[in-house]
């Protein structure tokens, strides 16, 4: 299941994403046209940034954002296989991330 939002570790420490604006940034990236997926790391959001994650989730709940289990999203997609988008993956890099990652070709 591909993520559609940058991971927190891609943003923290970058001057264009100050900590007090991270929640607003993420909310500005949400789309009603697709499932929005965000990778949460236990060692980042579950520890150092747990207060941020807690506040972000509380705000999402207040805004009535619906959360789905990834397995439910996968089952819905598999029930409609003919509309699952297919793309080529290549090895590449992403700003803010170390090492080589699988990225969508053309992005």
C-alpha atoms as a PDB file:
ATOM      1  CA  UNK A   1       0.000   0.000   0.000  1.00  0.00           C
ATOM      2  CA  UNK A   2       1.755   3.198  -1.082  1.00  0.00           C
ATOM      3  CA  UNK A   3       1.866   6.199   1.197  1.00  0.00           C
ATOM      4  CA  UNK A   4       0.432   9.458  -0.088  1.00  0.00           C
ATOM      5  CA  UNK A   5       1.852  11.793   2.563  1.00  0.00           C
ATOM      6  CA  UNK A   6       5.493  12.461   3.444  1.00  0.00           C
ATOM      7  CA  UNK A   7       6.715  10.745   6.575  1.00  0.00           C
ATOM      8  CA  UNK A   8       7.410  12.960   9.566  1.00  0.00           C
ATOM      9  CA  UNK A   9      11.132  12.193   9.403  1.00  0.00           C
ATOM     10  CA  UNK A  10      11.174  13.653   5.866  1.00  0.00           C
ATOM     11  CA  UNK A  11       9.989  16.987   7.255  1.00  0.00           C
ATOM     12  CA  UNK A  12      11.456  17.480  10.739  1.00  0.00           C
ATOM     13  CA  UNK A  13      14.507  19.668  10.872  1.00  0.00           C
ATOM     14  CA  UNK A  14      13.778  21.353   7.541  1.00  0.00           C
ATOM     15  CA  UNK A  15      13.305  25.121   7.865  1.00  0.00           C
ATOM     16  CA  UNK A  16      10.255  25.150   5.572  1.00  0.00           C
ATOM     17  CA  UNK A  17       8.433  22.821   8.000  1.00  0.00           C
ATOM     18  CA  UNK A  18       8.746  24.302  11.498  1.00  0.00           C
ATOM     19  CA  UNK A  19       7.420  21.989  14.233  1.00  0.00           C
ATOM     20  CA  UNK A  20       4.521  24.288  15.100  1.00  0.00           C
ATOM     21  CA  UNK A  21       3.248  24.102  11.482  1.00  0.00           C
ATOM     22  CA  UNK A  22       3.512  20.348  10.867  1.00  0.00           C
ATOM     23  CA  UNK A  23      -0.091  19.542  11.723  1.00  0.00           C
ATOM     24  CA  UNK A  24      -1.390  22.332   9.482  1.00  0.00           C
ATOM     25  CA  UNK A  25       0.863  21.093   6.680  1.00  0.00           C
ATOM     26  CA  UNK A  26      -0.451  17.549   6.916  1.00  0.00           C
ATOM     27  CA  UNK A  27      -4.073  18.682   7.002  1.00  0.00           C
ATOM     28  CA  UNK A  28      -3.453  20.833   3.917  1.00  0.00           C
ATOM     29  CA  UNK A  29      -2.228  17.733   2.053  1.00  0.00           C
ATOM     30  CA  UNK A  30      -5.347  15.621   2.624  1.00  0.00           C
ATOM     31  CA  UNK A  31      -7.404  14.821  -0.445  1.00  0.00           C
ATOM     32  CA  UNK A  32     -11.025  13.741  -0.680  1.00  0.00           C
ATOM     33  CA  UNK A  33     -10.225  12.037  -4.015  1.00  0.00           C
ATOM     34  CA  UNK A  34      -8.141   9.206  -2.572  1.00  0.00           C
ATOM     35  CA  UNK A  35      -7.287   7.320   0.579  1.00  0.00           C
ATOM     36  CA  UNK A  36      -4.680   9.358   2.432  1.00  0.00           C
ATOM     37  CA  UNK A  37      -1.942   7.191   3.903  1.00  0.00           C
ATOM     38  CA  UNK A  38       0.755   8.205   6.343  1.00  0.00           C
ATOM     39  CA  UNK A  39       3.511   5.954   7.617  1.00  0.00           C
ATOM     40  CA  UNK A  40       3.916   6.262  11.397  1.00  0.00           C
ATOM     41  CA  UNK A  41       7.229   5.164  12.903  1.00  0.00           C
ATOM     42  CA  UNK A  42       7.220   3.830  16.463  1.00  0.00           C
ATOM     43  CA  UNK A  43      10.660   5.312  17.112  1.00  0.00           C
ATOM     44  CA  UNK A  44       9.668   8.824  15.959  1.00  0.00           C
ATOM     45  CA  UNK A  45       5.935   9.480  16.346  1.00  0.00           C
ATOM     46  CA  UNK A  46       5.633   6.891  19.106  1.00  0.00           C
ATOM     47  CA  UNK A  47       8.410   8.374  21.216  1.00  0.00           C
ATOM     48  CA  UNK A  48       9.974  11.781  20.573  1.00  0.00           C
ATOM     49  CA  UNK A  49       6.999  13.166  18.647  1.00  0.00           C
ATOM     50  CA  UNK A  50       4.242  11.418  20.611  1.00  0.00           C
ATOM     51  CA  UNK A  51       2.805  14.738  21.898  1.00  0.00           C
ATOM     52  CA  UNK A  52       2.614  15.972  18.290  1.00  0.00           C
ATOM     53  CA  UNK A  53       0.953  12.747  17.094  1.00  0.00           C
ATOM     54  CA  UNK A  54      -1.555  12.861  19.962  1.00  0.00           C
ATOM     55  CA  UNK A  55      -2.500  16.470  19.163  1.00  0.00           C
ATOM     56  CA  UNK A  56      -2.722  15.696  15.451  1.00  0.00           C
ATOM     57  CA  UNK A  57      -5.027  12.715  16.023  1.00  0.00           C
ATOM     58  CA  UNK A  58      -7.220  14.697  18.415  1.00  0.00           C
ATOM     59  CA  UNK A  59      -7.565  17.471  15.844  1.00  0.00           C
ATOM     60  CA  UNK A  60      -8.415  14.923  13.139  1.00  0.00           C
ATOM     61  CA  UNK A  61     -11.109  13.455  15.369  1.00  0.00           C
ATOM     62  CA  UNK A  62     -12.537  16.941  16.005  1.00  0.00           C
ATOM     63  CA  UNK A  63     -12.666  17.494  12.236  1.00  0.00           C
ATOM     64  CA  UNK A  64     -14.449  14.144  11.832  1.00  0.00           C
ATOM     65  CA  UNK A  65     -11.713  12.664   9.675  1.00  0.00           C
ATOM     66  CA  UNK A  66     -12.392   8.973   9.213  1.00  0.00           C
ATOM     67  CA  UNK A  67      -9.608   6.478   9.948  1.00  0.00           C
ATOM     68  CA  UNK A  68      -9.528   3.101   8.225  1.00  0.00           C
ATOM     69  CA  UNK A  69      -7.507  -0.010   8.915  1.00  0.00           C
ATOM     70  CA  UNK A  70      -5.017  -0.661   6.126  1.00  0.00           C
ATOM     71  CA  UNK A  71      -6.389  -4.212   5.807  1.00  0.00           C
ATOM     72  CA  UNK A  72      -9.874  -2.809   5.134  1.00  0.00           C
ATOM     73  CA  UNK A  73      -8.517  -0.483   2.442  1.00  0.00           C
ATOM     74  CA  UNK A  74      -6.703  -3.444   0.868  1.00  0.00           C
ATOM     75  CA  UNK A  75      -9.842  -5.600   0.911  1.00  0.00           C
ATOM     76  CA  UNK A  76     -11.857  -2.802  -0.738  1.00  0.00           C
ATOM     77  CA  UNK A  77      -9.195  -2.420  -3.424  1.00  0.00           C
ATOM     78  CA  UNK A  78      -9.008  -6.165  -4.059  1.00  0.00           C
ATOM     79  CA  UNK A  79     -12.785  -6.276  -4.471  1.00  0.00           C
ATOM     80  CA  UNK A  80     -12.357  -3.819  -7.373  1.00  0.00           C
ATOM     81  CA  UNK A  81      -9.075  -4.981  -8.905  1.00  0.00           C
ATOM     82  CA  UNK A  82      -9.817  -3.454 -12.312  1.00  0.00           C
ATOM     83  CA  UNK A  83      -9.619   0.102 -10.900  1.00  0.00           C
ATOM     84  CA  UNK A  84      -6.414  -0.356  -8.908  1.00  0.00           C
ATOM     85  CA  UNK A  85      -3.845   2.042 -10.384  1.00  0.00           C
ATOM     86  CA  UNK A  86      -0.694   0.357 -11.590  1.00  0.00           C
ATOM     87  CA  UNK A  87       2.629   2.140 -11.862  1.00  0.00           C
ATOM     88  CA  UNK A  88       6.269   1.275 -12.294  1.00  0.00           C
ATOM     89  CA  UNK A  89       8.544   1.437  -9.263  1.00  0.00           C
ATOM     90  CA  UNK A  90      12.220   2.294  -9.463  1.00  0.00           C
ATOM     91  CA  UNK A  91      14.993   2.849  -6.946  1.00  0.00           C
ATOM     92  CA  UNK A  92      15.338   6.507  -6.032  1.00  0.00           C
ATOM     93  CA  UNK A  93      15.708   9.067  -3.290  1.00  0.00           C
ATOM     94  CA  UNK A  94      13.338  11.400  -1.446  1.00  0.00           C
ATOM     95  CA  UNK A  95      14.328  14.712   0.134  1.00  0.00           C
ATOM     96  CA  UNK A  96      14.717  14.258   3.867  1.00  0.00           C
ATOM     97  CA  UNK A  97      15.142  10.478   3.702  1.00  0.00           C
ATOM     98  CA  UNK A  98      18.426   8.632   3.784  1.00  0.00           C
ATOM     99  CA  UNK A  99      19.302   5.814   1.457  1.00  0.00           C
ATOM    100  CA  UNK A 100      17.627   4.371  -1.597  1.00  0.00           C
ATOM    101  CA  UNK A 101      13.894   3.773  -1.620  1.00  0.00           C
ATOM    102  CA  UNK A 102      11.287   2.312  -3.954  1.00  0.00           C
ATOM    103  CA  UNK A 103       9.656   5.314  -5.641  1.00  0.00           C
ATOM    104  CA  UNK A 104       7.069   5.711  -8.352  1.00  0.00           C
ATOM    105  CA  UNK A 105       8.678   6.230 -11.749  1.00  0.00           C
ATOM    106  CA  UNK A 106       8.074   9.728 -13.038  1.00  0.00           C
ATOM    107  CA  UNK A 107       7.697  11.393  -9.645  1.00  0.00           C
END
